[in-house]
Amino acid sequence: MCKRPIITIFIVYAFILILLNAFGDFSCEKQSYLYKLIGDNNTVSVEGRILSVPQLVKNGKRFIMKTSTANASAVSEKIIVNSHPGYSVSCGDIINVEGKLKKSFSSASHCFPSLI
């Protein structure tokens, strides 16, 4: 059995994937529903479960949330939420928050939109 056609097909497939990645077809902005809402000055209503332990930051609390709905549309994405320090939330809580989306500038979370 000749393995040459299989190897050729694999190399062509890998080359196509590299080209698609180079043109940005796999980028977060093209894959995410929430990234399409960034830039609108409208508030977004998001419901989901808190995945991380809320961290105290200088302006409040910050945590990662896995969304179940956004503006009454079914969405399954992760976002970083910055909330008021007075809110009592913990890991595993299911919450509904409203705010404006912006692109996260943290290198560790480059694929998460941020809700303020």
Protein backbone atom coordinates (compact mmCIF):
# COMPACT_ATOMS: atom_id res chain seq x y z
CA MET A 1 0.00 0.00 0.00
CA CYS A 2 1.38 3.35 -1.01
CA LYS A 3 1.34 6.05 1.66
CA ARG A 4 2.27 8.89 -0.64
CA PRO A 5 -1.35 10.06 -1.38
CA ILE A 6 -2.19 10.08 2.33
CA ILE A 7 0.88 12.16 3.17
CA THR A 8 0.15 14.56 0.29
CA ILE A 9 -3.46 15.01 1.42
CA PHE A 10 -2.30 15.68 4.99
CA ILE A 11 0.25 18.29 3.85
CA VAL A 12 -2.34 20.05 1.66
CA TYR A 13 -4.85 20.02 4.55
CA ALA A 14 -2.27 21.45 6.98
CA PHE A 15 -1.34 24.15 4.45
CA ILE A 16 -5.01 25.14 4.03
CA LEU A 17 -5.42 25.41 7.81
CA ILE A 18 -2.30 27.57 8.08
CA LEU A 19 -3.60 29.89 5.35
CA LEU A 20 -7.03 30.18 6.97
CA ASN A 21 -5.40 31.02 10.29
CA ALA A 22 -3.15 33.61 8.63
CA PHE A 23 -6.19 35.35 7.14
CA GLY A 24 -7.90 35.42 10.53
CA ASP A 25 -10.70 32.95 9.92
CA PHE A 26 -10.12 31.36 13.33
CA SER A 27 -9.87 34.63 15.26
CA CYS A 28 -12.03 35.30 18.31
CA GLU A 29 -13.69 38.25 16.63
CA LYS A 30 -15.07 36.10 13.81
CA GLN A 31 -16.15 33.24 16.07
CA SER A 32 -17.86 35.21 18.85
CA TYR A 33 -21.42 36.54 18.93
CA LEU A 34 -20.53 38.89 21.79
CA TYR A 35 -17.63 40.46 19.88
CA LYS A 36 -20.17 41.65 17.32
CA LEU A 37 -21.91 43.64 20.08
CA ILE A 38 -18.72 45.50 21.06
CA GLY A 39 -18.71 49.09 19.89
CA ASP A 40 -22.45 49.56 20.19
CA ASN A 41 -23.25 52.03 22.92
CA ASN A 42 -26.23 49.90 23.90
CA THR A 43 -26.27 47.95 27.14
CA VAL A 44 -26.20 44.18 26.93
CA SER A 45 -28.14 41.88 29.26
CA VAL A 46 -26.20 38.68 29.98
CA GLU A 47 -27.18 35.70 32.11
CA GLY A 48 -24.82 32.92 33.11
CA ARG A 49 -22.79 31.10 35.74
CA ILE A 50 -19.72 32.49 37.52
CA LEU A 51 -16.73 30.24 36.77
CA SER A 52 -13.97 31.87 38.82
CA VAL A 53 -13.62 33.17 42.34
CA PRO A 54 -14.32 36.93 42.23
CA GLN A 55 -11.11 38.94 42.68
CA LEU A 56 -11.03 42.31 44.37
CA VAL A 57 -9.59 44.96 42.06
CA LYS A 58 -9.24 48.70 42.60
CA ASN A 59 -12.70 49.55 41.22
CA GLY A 60 -14.69 46.51 42.35
CA LYS A 61 -14.77 42.78 41.67
CA ARG A 62 -13.68 40.90 38.57
CA PHE A 63 -14.65 37.36 37.61
CA ILE A 64 -15.09 35.08 34.60
CA MET A 65 -18.62 34.12 33.65
CA LYS A 66 -19.93 31.54 31.17
CA THR A 67 -22.96 33.02 29.46
CA SER A 68 -26.15 31.14 28.69
CA THR A 69 -28.07 34.06 27.15
CA ALA A 70 -27.20 37.51 25.84
CA ASN A 71 -30.02 39.89 24.90
CA ALA A 72 -32.45 36.94 25.00
CA SER A 73 -30.35 34.95 22.49
CA ALA A 74 -28.77 31.63 23.44
CA VAL A 75 -25.00 32.20 23.71
CA SER A 76 -22.34 29.95 25.22
CA GLU A 77 -19.23 32.08 25.65
CA LYS A 78 -16.97 33.22 28.46
CA ILE A 79 -16.68 36.88 29.47
CA ILE A 80 -14.83 38.86 32.10
CA VAL A 81 -17.21 40.84 34.30
CA ASN A 82 -16.22 43.91 36.32
CA SER A 83 -18.82 44.59 39.01
CA HIS A 84 -19.42 46.99 41.88
CA PRO A 85 -17.56 45.95 45.06
CA GLY A 86 -20.79 45.89 47.06
CA TYR A 87 -22.31 42.97 45.16
CA SER A 88 -22.10 39.63 46.95
CA VAL A 89 -21.29 36.98 44.34
CA SER A 90 -19.36 33.73 44.51
CA CYS A 91 -18.18 30.98 42.21
CA GLY A 92 -21.07 28.91 40.85
CA ASP A 93 -23.74 31.60 41.22
CA ILE A 94 -26.12 32.09 38.29
CA ILE A 95 -26.55 35.82 37.75
CA ASN A 96 -28.02 38.30 35.28
CA VAL A 97 -25.93 41.42 34.61
CA GLU A 98 -26.32 44.41 32.33
CA GLY A 99 -23.59 46.62 31.00
CA LYS A 100 -21.52 47.64 28.02
CA LEU A 101 -19.15 45.26 26.31
CA LYS A 102 -15.59 46.19 25.46
CA LYS A 103 -12.60 44.27 24.21
CA SER A 104 -10.36 42.93 26.95
CA PHE A 105 -6.78 44.17 26.77
CA SER A 106 -5.26 41.50 29.02
CA SER A 107 -2.93 39.14 27.17
CA ALA A 108 -4.09 36.19 29.29
CA SER A 109 -7.70 36.78 28.34
CA HIS A 110 -7.40 37.97 24.75
CA CYS A 111 -10.40 35.90 23.65
CA PHE A 112 -12.82 37.08 26.34
CA PRO A 113 -15.02 40.13 25.86
CA SER A 114 -15.27 42.24 28.99
CA LEU A 115 -18.56 43.46 30.49
CA ILE A 116 -18.48 46.63 32.55
